[in-house]
Amino acid sequence: MRTTLTLDPDVAAKAKSGAAKLGKPFKEVVNAALRIGLDQVLNPPSAKLYRTKGRPMGLRRGLSYDNIGELLATAEGEDYQ
């Protein structure tokens, strides 16, 4: 199939240099790259489930967790915002 395609300058330069490096025609390099790219775009790999393991942190002795303002002042100093 013959069609007109406008490539960004950086993509065209990369394809041209790749074709020269491989000693293959520009058309063949572009078609191969499109096949690989389209396979990845149309069938993306499924995302892996991300899990973190919880662990007990406990409460620090000597701090009151009833008054958040006082706790922030203790942790960050009196100039906290």
PDB file of N, CA and C in Angstrom:
ATOM      1  N   MET A   1       0.848  -1.177   0.000  1.00  0.00           N
ATOM      2  CA  MET A   1       0.000   0.000   0.000  1.00  0.00           C
ATOM      3  C   MET A   1       0.883   1.226   0.000  1.00  0.00           C
ATOM      4  N   ARG A   2       0.559   2.161  -0.814  1.00  0.00           N
ATOM      5  CA  ARG A   2       1.337   3.390  -0.909  1.00  0.00           C
ATOM      6  C   ARG A   2       0.544   4.505  -0.243  1.00  0.00           C
ATOM      7  N   THR A   3       1.209   5.224   0.670  1.00  0.00           N
ATOM      8  CA  THR A   3       0.553   6.322   1.369  1.00  0.00           C
ATOM      9  C   THR A   3       1.593   7.381   1.689  1.00  0.00           C
ATOM     10  N   THR A   4       1.121   8.576   1.993  1.00  0.00           N
ATOM     11  CA  THR A   4       2.018   9.662   2.376  1.00  0.00           C
ATOM     12  C   THR A   4       2.026   9.755   3.882  1.00  0.00           C
ATOM     13  N   LEU A   5       3.216   9.845   4.435  1.00  0.00           N
ATOM     14  CA  LEU A   5       3.377   9.908   5.878  1.00  0.00           C
ATOM     15  C   LEU A   5       4.378  11.006   6.198  1.00  0.00           C
ATOM     16  N   THR A   6       4.021  11.887   7.109  1.00  0.00           N
ATOM     17  CA  THR A   6       4.928  12.953   7.512  1.00  0.00           C
ATOM     18  C   THR A   6       5.607  12.550   8.813  1.00  0.00           C
ATOM     19  N   LEU A   7       6.928  12.454   8.769  1.00  0.00           N
ATOM     20  CA  LEU A   7       7.706  12.085   9.941  1.00  0.00           C
ATOM     21  C   LEU A   7       8.292  13.332  10.586  1.00  0.00           C
ATOM     22  N   ASP A   8       8.396  13.301  11.886  1.00  0.00           N
ATOM     23  CA  ASP A   8       9.099  14.381  12.572  1.00  0.00           C
ATOM     24  C   ASP A   8      10.563  14.321  12.158  1.00  0.00           C
ATOM     25  N   PRO A   9      11.238  15.475  12.137  1.00  0.00           N
ATOM     26  CA  PRO A   9      12.629  15.497  11.672  1.00  0.00           C
ATOM     27  C   PRO A   9      13.554  14.548  12.431  1.00  0.00           C
ATOM     28  N   ASP A  10      13.382  14.445  13.752  1.00  0.00           N
ATOM     29  CA  ASP A  10      14.263  13.558  14.526  1.00  0.00           C
ATOM     30  C   ASP A  10      14.005  12.084  14.196  1.00  0.00           C
ATOM     31  N   VAL A  11      12.747  11.733  13.943  1.00  0.00           N
ATOM     32  CA  VAL A  11      12.404  10.355  13.596  1.00  0.00           C
ATOM     33  C   VAL A  11      12.961  10.006  12.215  1.00  0.00           C
ATOM     34  N   ALA A  12      12.804  10.923  11.262  1.00  0.00           N
ATOM     35  CA  ALA A  12      13.317  10.694   9.913  1.00  0.00           C
ATOM     36  C   ALA A  12      14.835  10.540   9.932  1.00  0.00           C
ATOM     37  N   ALA A  13      15.516  11.379  10.696  1.00  0.00           N
ATOM     38  CA  ALA A  13      16.978  11.305  10.774  1.00  0.00           C
ATOM     39  C   ALA A  13      17.424   9.985  11.393  1.00  0.00           C
ATOM     40  N   LYS A  14      16.728   9.557  12.437  1.00  0.00           N
ATOM     41  CA  LYS A  14      17.076   8.292  13.090  1.00  0.00           C
ATOM     42  C   LYS A  14      16.845   7.119  12.140  1.00  0.00           C
ATOM     43  N   ALA A  15      15.742   7.144  11.401  1.00  0.00           N
ATOM     44  CA  ALA A  15      15.451   6.068  10.455  1.00  0.00           C
ATOM     45  C   ALA A  15      16.473   6.052   9.315  1.00  0.00           C
ATOM     46  N   LYS A  16      16.851   7.222   8.818  1.00  0.00           N
ATOM     47  CA  LYS A  16      17.837   7.295   7.738  1.00  0.00           C
ATOM     48  C   LYS A  16      19.200   6.795   8.201  1.00  0.00           C
ATOM     49  N   SER A  17      19.613   7.208   9.404  1.00  0.00           N
ATOM     50  CA  SER A  17      20.920   6.754   9.887  1.00  0.00           C
ATOM     51  C   SER A  17      20.890   5.255  10.195  1.00  0.00           C
ATOM     52  N   GLY A  18      19.756   4.764  10.691  1.00  0.00           N
ATOM     53  CA  GLY A  18      19.612   3.338  10.953  1.00  0.00           C
ATOM     54  C   GLY A  18      19.658   2.522   9.667  1.00  0.00           C
ATOM     55  N   ALA A  19      19.011   3.037   8.623  1.00  0.00           N
ATOM     56  CA  ALA A  19      19.025   2.346   7.332  1.00  0.00           C
ATOM     57  C   ALA A  19      20.446   2.302   6.775  1.00  0.00           C
ATOM     58  N   ALA A  20      21.173   3.398   6.897  1.00  0.00           N
ATOM     59  CA  ALA A  20      22.556   3.439   6.408  1.00  0.00           C
ATOM     60  C   ALA A  20      23.441   2.486   7.217  1.00  0.00           C
ATOM     61  N   LYS A  21      23.241   2.478   8.533  1.00  0.00           N
ATOM     62  CA  LYS A  21      24.044   1.617   9.407  1.00  0.00           C
ATOM     63  C   LYS A  21      23.799   0.139   9.110  1.00  0.00           C
ATOM     64  N   LEU A  22      22.527  -0.213   8.880  1.00  0.00           N
ATOM     65  CA  LEU A  22      22.163  -1.611   8.620  1.00  0.00           C
ATOM     66  C   LEU A  22      22.349  -2.006   7.161  1.00  0.00           C
ATOM     67  N   GLY A  23      22.513  -1.008   6.299  1.00  0.00           N
ATOM     68  CA  GLY A  23      22.637  -1.295   4.875  1.00  0.00           C
ATOM     69  C   GLY A  23      21.334  -1.769   4.266  1.00  0.00           C
ATOM     70  N   LYS A  24      20.231  -1.290   4.810  1.00  0.00           N
ATOM     71  CA  LYS A  24      18.909  -1.684   4.325  1.00  0.00           C
ATOM     72  C   LYS A  24      18.187  -0.452   3.801  1.00  0.00           C
ATOM     73  N   PRO A  25      17.189  -0.656   2.951  1.00  0.00           N
ATOM     74  CA  PRO A  25      16.422   0.484   2.444  1.00  0.00           C
ATOM     75  C   PRO A  25      15.644   1.186   3.562  1.00  0.00           C
ATOM     76  N   PHE A  26      15.484   2.483   3.390  1.00  0.00           N
ATOM     77  CA  PHE A  26      14.747   3.320   4.354  1.00  0.00           C
ATOM     78  C   PHE A  26      13.358   2.740   4.603  1.00  0.00           C
ATOM     79  N   LYS A  27      12.669   2.361   3.529  1.00  0.00           N
ATOM     80  CA  LYS A  27      11.308   1.822   3.618  1.00  0.00           C
ATOM     81  C   LYS A  27      11.264   0.573   4.509  1.00  0.00           C
ATOM     82  N   GLU A  28      12.249  -0.292   4.379  1.00  0.00           N
ATOM     83  CA  GLU A  28      12.289  -1.523   5.158  1.00  0.00           C
ATOM     84  C   GLU A  28      12.497  -1.232   6.648  1.00  0.00           C
ATOM     85  N   VAL A  29      13.354  -0.285   6.951  1.00  0.00           N
ATOM     86  CA  VAL A  29      13.618   0.083   8.351  1.00  0.00           C
ATOM     87  C   VAL A  29      12.378   0.718   8.977  1.00  0.00           C
ATOM     88  N   VAL A  30      11.732   1.601   8.248  1.00  0.00           N
ATOM     89  CA  VAL A  30      10.516   2.255   8.770  1.00  0.00           C
ATOM     90  C   VAL A  30       9.409   1.229   8.992  1.00  0.00           C
ATOM     91  N   ASN A  31       9.211   0.319   8.047  1.00  0.00           N
ATOM     92  CA  ASN A  31       8.186  -0.717   8.209  1.00  0.00           C
ATOM     93  C   ASN A  31       8.474  -1.619   9.407  1.00  0.00           C
ATOM     94  N   ALA A  32       9.729  -2.015   9.587  1.00  0.00           N
ATOM     95  CA  ALA A  32      10.091  -2.865  10.728  1.00  0.00           C
ATOM     96  C   ALA A  32       9.836  -2.133  12.047  1.00  0.00           C
ATOM     97  N   ALA A  33      10.222  -0.854  12.097  1.00  0.00           N
ATOM     98  CA  ALA A  33      10.014  -0.069  13.321  1.00  0.00           C
ATOM     99  C   ALA A  33       8.526   0.114  13.610  1.00  0.00           C
ATOM    100  N   LEU A  34       7.737   0.348  12.580  1.00  0.00           N
ATOM    101  CA  LEU A  34       6.287   0.492  12.765  1.00  0.00           C
ATOM    102  C   LEU A  34       5.649  -0.809  13.255  1.00  0.00           C
ATOM    103  N   ARG A  35       6.089  -1.942  12.731  1.00  0.00           N
ATOM    104  CA  ARG A  35       5.548  -3.224  13.197  1.00  0.00           C
ATOM    105  C   ARG A  35       5.801  -3.413  14.690  1.00  0.00           C
ATOM    106  N   ILE A  36       7.046  -3.176  15.079  1.00  0.00           N
ATOM    107  CA  ILE A  36       7.395  -3.338  16.497  1.00  0.00           C
ATOM    108  C   ILE A  36       6.624  -2.344  17.353  1.00  0.00           C
ATOM    109  N   GLY A  37       6.607  -1.091  16.936  1.00  0.00           N
ATOM    110  CA  GLY A  37       5.924  -0.051  17.705  1.00  0.00           C
ATOM    111  C   GLY A  37       4.431  -0.270  17.800  1.00  0.00           C
ATOM    112  N   LEU A  38       3.811  -0.655  16.703  1.00  0.00           N
ATOM    113  CA  LEU A  38       2.364  -0.892  16.721  1.00  0.00           C
ATOM    114  C   LEU A  38       2.004  -2.076  17.600  1.00  0.00           C
ATOM    115  N   ASP A  39       2.824  -3.121  17.584  1.00  0.00           N
ATOM    116  CA  ASP A  39       2.568  -4.257  18.470  1.00  0.00           C
ATOM    117  C   ASP A  39       2.585  -3.817  19.935  1.00  0.00           C
ATOM    118  N   GLN A  40       3.526  -2.974  20.277  1.00  0.00           N
ATOM    119  CA  GLN A  40       3.622  -2.511  21.666  1.00  0.00           C
ATOM    120  C   GLN A  40       2.498  -1.549  22.027  1.00  0.00           C
ATOM    121  N   VAL A  41       2.095  -0.697  21.088  1.00  0.00           N
ATOM    122  CA  VAL A  41       1.025   0.271  21.359  1.00  0.00           C
ATOM    123  C   VAL A  41      -0.338  -0.421  21.436  1.00  0.00           C
ATOM    124  N   LEU A  42      -0.588  -1.348  20.520  1.00  0.00           N
ATOM    125  CA  LEU A  42      -1.905  -1.992  20.464  1.00  0.00           C
ATOM    126  C   LEU A  42      -2.073  -3.120  21.474  1.00  0.00           C
ATOM    127  N   ASN A  43      -0.973  -3.707  21.930  1.00  0.00           N
ATOM    128  CA  ASN A  43      -1.028  -4.790  22.912  1.00  0.00           C
ATOM    129  C   ASN A  43      -0.031  -4.512  24.036  1.00  0.00           C
ATOM    130  N   PRO A  44      -0.292  -3.493  24.838  1.00  0.00           N
ATOM    131  CA  PRO A  44       0.672  -3.169  25.898  1.00  0.00           C
ATOM    132  C   PRO A  44       0.738  -4.288  26.941  1.00  0.00           C
ATOM    133  N   PRO A  45       1.902  -4.470  27.549  1.00  0.00           N
ATOM    134  CA  PRO A  45       2.004  -5.492  28.592  1.00  0.00           C
ATOM    135  C   PRO A  45       1.136  -5.101  29.785  1.00  0.00           C
ATOM    136  N   SER A  46       0.561  -6.091  30.424  1.00  0.00           N
ATOM    137  CA  SER A  46      -0.284  -5.788  31.573  1.00  0.00           C
ATOM    138  C   SER A  46       0.582  -5.277  32.723  1.00  0.00           C
ATOM    139  N   ALA A  47       0.039  -4.333  33.451  1.00  0.00           N
ATOM    140  CA  ALA A  47       0.771  -3.737  34.567  1.00  0.00           C
ATOM    141  C   ALA A  47       0.875  -4.745  35.708  1.00  0.00           C
ATOM    142  N   LYS A  48       2.025  -4.773  36.326  1.00  0.00           N
ATOM    143  CA  LYS A  48       2.217  -5.658  37.469  1.00  0.00           C
ATOM    144  C   LYS A  48       1.593  -5.017  38.703  1.00  0.00           C
ATOM    145  N   LEU A  49       0.957  -5.834  39.500  1.00  0.00           N
ATOM    146  CA  LEU A  49       0.347  -5.367  40.730  1.00  0.00           C
ATOM    147  C   LEU A  49       1.440  -4.959  41.708  1.00  0.00           C
ATOM    148  N   TYR A  50       1.316  -3.771  42.259  1.00  0.00           N
ATOM    149  CA  TYR A  50       2.326  -3.261  43.188  1.00  0.00           C
ATOM    150  C   TYR A  50       1.787  -3.369  44.607  1.00  0.00           C
ATOM    151  N   ARG A  51       2.505  -4.017  45.441  1.00  0.00           N
ATOM    152  CA  ARG A  51       2.100  -4.191  46.841  1.00  0.00           C
ATOM    153  C   ARG A  51       3.243  -3.780  47.753  1.00  0.00           C
ATOM    154  N   THR A  52       2.883  -3.196  48.862  1.00  0.00           N
ATOM    155  CA  THR A  52       3.865  -2.900  49.907  1.00  0.00           C
ATOM    156  C   THR A  52       3.474  -3.674  51.154  1.00  0.00           C
ATOM    157  N   LYS A  53       4.451  -4.028  51.901  1.00  0.00           N
ATOM    158  CA  LYS A  53       4.185  -4.748  53.138  1.00  0.00           C
ATOM    159  C   LYS A  53       4.137  -3.747  54.281  1.00  0.00           C
ATOM    160  N   GLY A  54       3.069  -3.793  55.025  1.00  0.00           N
ATOM    161  CA  GLY A  54       2.938  -2.922  56.175  1.00  0.00           C
ATOM    162  C   GLY A  54       3.736  -3.450  57.350  1.00  0.00           C
ATOM    163  N   ARG A  55       4.114  -2.560  58.202  1.00  0.00           N
ATOM    164  CA  ARG A  55       4.788  -2.993  59.419  1.00  0.00           C
ATOM    165  C   ARG A  55       4.392  -2.053  60.546  1.00  0.00           C
ATOM    166  N   PRO A  56       4.280  -2.557  61.724  1.00  0.00           N
ATOM    167  CA  PRO A  56       3.846  -1.707  62.835  1.00  0.00           C
ATOM    168  C   PRO A  56       4.925  -0.675  63.167  1.00  0.00           C
ATOM    169  N   MET A  57       4.515   0.557  63.254  1.00  0.00           N
ATOM    170  CA  MET A  57       5.448   1.635  63.571  1.00  0.00           C
ATOM    171  C   MET A  57       5.387   1.989  65.056  1.00  0.00           C
ATOM    172  N   GLY A  58       4.227   1.793  65.638  1.00  0.00           N
ATOM    173  CA  GLY A  58       4.085   2.117  67.049  1.00  0.00           C
ATOM    174  C   GLY A  58       4.038   3.622  67.275  1.00  0.00           C
ATOM    175  N   LEU A  59       3.835   4.011  68.489  1.00  0.00           N
ATOM    176  CA  LEU A  59       3.813   5.420  68.872  1.00  0.00           C
ATOM    177  C   LEU A  59       5.066   5.734  69.671  1.00  0.00           C
ATOM    178  N   ARG A  60       5.599   6.933  69.450  1.00  0.00           N
ATOM    179  CA  ARG A  60       6.791   7.329  70.198  1.00  0.00           C
ATOM    180  C   ARG A  60       6.389   7.756  71.606  1.00  0.00           C
ATOM    181  N   ARG A  61       7.157   7.319  72.550  1.00  0.00           N
ATOM    182  CA  ARG A  61       6.875   7.685  73.947  1.00  0.00           C
ATOM    183  C   ARG A  61       7.155   9.155  74.167  1.00  0.00           C
ATOM    184  N   GLY A  62       6.373   9.743  75.019  1.00  0.00           N
ATOM    185  CA  GLY A  62       6.571  11.138  75.388  1.00  0.00           C
ATOM    186  C   GLY A  62       5.858  12.125  74.485  1.00  0.00           C
ATOM    187  N   LEU A  63       5.187  11.660  73.430  1.00  0.00           N
ATOM    188  CA  LEU A  63       4.454  12.561  72.545  1.00  0.00           C
ATOM    189  C   LEU A  63       2.963  12.336  72.718  1.00  0.00           C
ATOM    190  N   SER A  64       2.214  13.437  72.726  1.00  0.00           N
ATOM    191  CA  SER A  64       0.773  13.349  72.825  1.00  0.00           C
ATOM    192  C   SER A  64       0.184  13.421  71.415  1.00  0.00           C
ATOM    193  N   TYR A  65      -0.602  12.420  71.065  1.00  0.00           N
ATOM    194  CA  TYR A  65      -1.209  12.377  69.740  1.00  0.00           C
ATOM    195  C   TYR A  65      -2.634  12.924  69.771  1.00  0.00           C
ATOM    196  N   ASP A  66      -3.036  13.507  70.886  1.00  0.00           N
ATOM    197  CA  ASP A  66      -4.380  14.063  71.017  1.00  0.00           C
ATOM    198  C   ASP A  66      -4.469  15.470  70.437  1.00  0.00           C
ATOM    199  N   ASN A  67      -3.368  16.223  70.421  1.00  0.00           N
ATOM    200  CA  ASN A  67      -3.366  17.601  69.948  1.00  0.00           C
ATOM    201  C   ASN A  67      -2.388  17.692  68.771  1.00  0.00           C
ATOM    202  N   ILE A  68      -2.935  17.741  67.555  1.00  0.00           N
ATOM    203  CA  ILE A  68      -2.105  17.745  66.353  1.00  0.00           C
ATOM    204  C   ILE A  68      -1.236  18.989  66.282  1.00  0.00           C
ATOM    205  N   GLY A  69      -1.770  20.136  66.665  1.00  0.00           N
ATOM    206  CA  GLY A  69      -0.997  21.375  66.637  1.00  0.00           C
ATOM    207  C   GLY A  69       0.238  21.284  67.514  1.00  0.00           C
ATOM    208  N   GLU A  70       0.060  20.753  68.692  1.00  0.00           N
ATOM    209  CA  GLU A  70       1.186  20.590  69.621  1.00  0.00           C
ATOM    210  C   GLU A  70       2.193  19.571  69.070  1.00  0.00           C
ATOM    211  N   LEU A  71       1.691  18.518  68.469  1.00  0.00           N
ATOM    212  CA  LEU A  71       2.560  17.495  67.893  1.00  0.00           C
ATOM    213  C   LEU A  71       3.390  18.069  66.747  1.00  0.00           C
ATOM    214  N   LEU A  72       2.762  18.872  65.875  1.00  0.00           N
ATOM    215  CA  LEU A  72       3.494  19.503  64.778  1.00  0.00           C
ATOM    216  C   LEU A  72       4.525  20.495  65.296  1.00  0.00           C
ATOM    217  N   ALA A  73       4.169  21.245  66.309  1.00  0.00           N
ATOM    218  CA  ALA A  73       5.120  22.184  66.886  1.00  0.00           C
ATOM    219  C   ALA A  73       6.324  21.463  67.464  1.00  0.00           C
ATOM    220  N   THR A  74       6.092  20.318  68.073  1.00  0.00           N
ATOM    221  CA  THR A  74       7.184  19.529  68.632  1.00  0.00           C
ATOM    222  C   THR A  74       8.051  18.956  67.521  1.00  0.00           C
ATOM    223  N   ALA A  75       7.411  18.447  66.469  1.00  0.00           N
ATOM    224  CA  ALA A  75       8.144  17.783  65.387  1.00  0.00           C
ATOM    225  C   ALA A  75       8.869  18.762  64.473  1.00  0.00           C
ATOM    226  N   GLU A  76       8.227  19.914  64.156  1.00  0.00           N
ATOM    227  CA  GLU A  76       8.761  20.819  63.165  1.00  0.00           C
ATOM    228  C   GLU A  76       9.245  22.134  63.761  1.00  0.00           C
ATOM    229  N   GLY A  77       9.064  22.341  64.994  1.00  0.00           N
ATOM    230  CA  GLY A  77       9.448  23.609  65.591  1.00  0.00           C
ATOM    231  C   GLY A  77       8.263  24.558  65.625  1.00  0.00           C
ATOM    232  N   GLU A  78       8.406  25.634  66.298  1.00  0.00           N
ATOM    233  CA  GLU A  78       7.299  26.589  66.462  1.00  0.00           C
ATOM    234  C   GLU A  78       6.935  27.335  65.190  1.00  0.00           C
ATOM    235  N   ASP A  79       7.790  27.324  64.166  1.00  0.00           N
ATOM    236  CA  ASP A  79       7.529  28.084  62.948  1.00  0.00           C
ATOM    237  C   ASP A  79       6.786  27.285  61.878  1.00  0.00           C
ATOM    238  N   TYR A  80       6.190  26.145  62.231  1.00  0.00           N
ATOM    239  CA  TYR A  80       5.512  25.347  61.223  1.00  0.00           C
ATOM    240  C   TYR A  80       4.303  26.088  60.674  1.00  0.00           C
ATOM    241  N   GLN A  81       3.924  25.801  59.450  1.00  0.00           N
ATOM    242  CA  GLN A  81       2.753  26.448  58.839  1.00  0.00           C
ATOM    243  C   GLN A  81       1.706  25.409  58.503  1.00  0.00           C
TER     244      GLN A  81
END
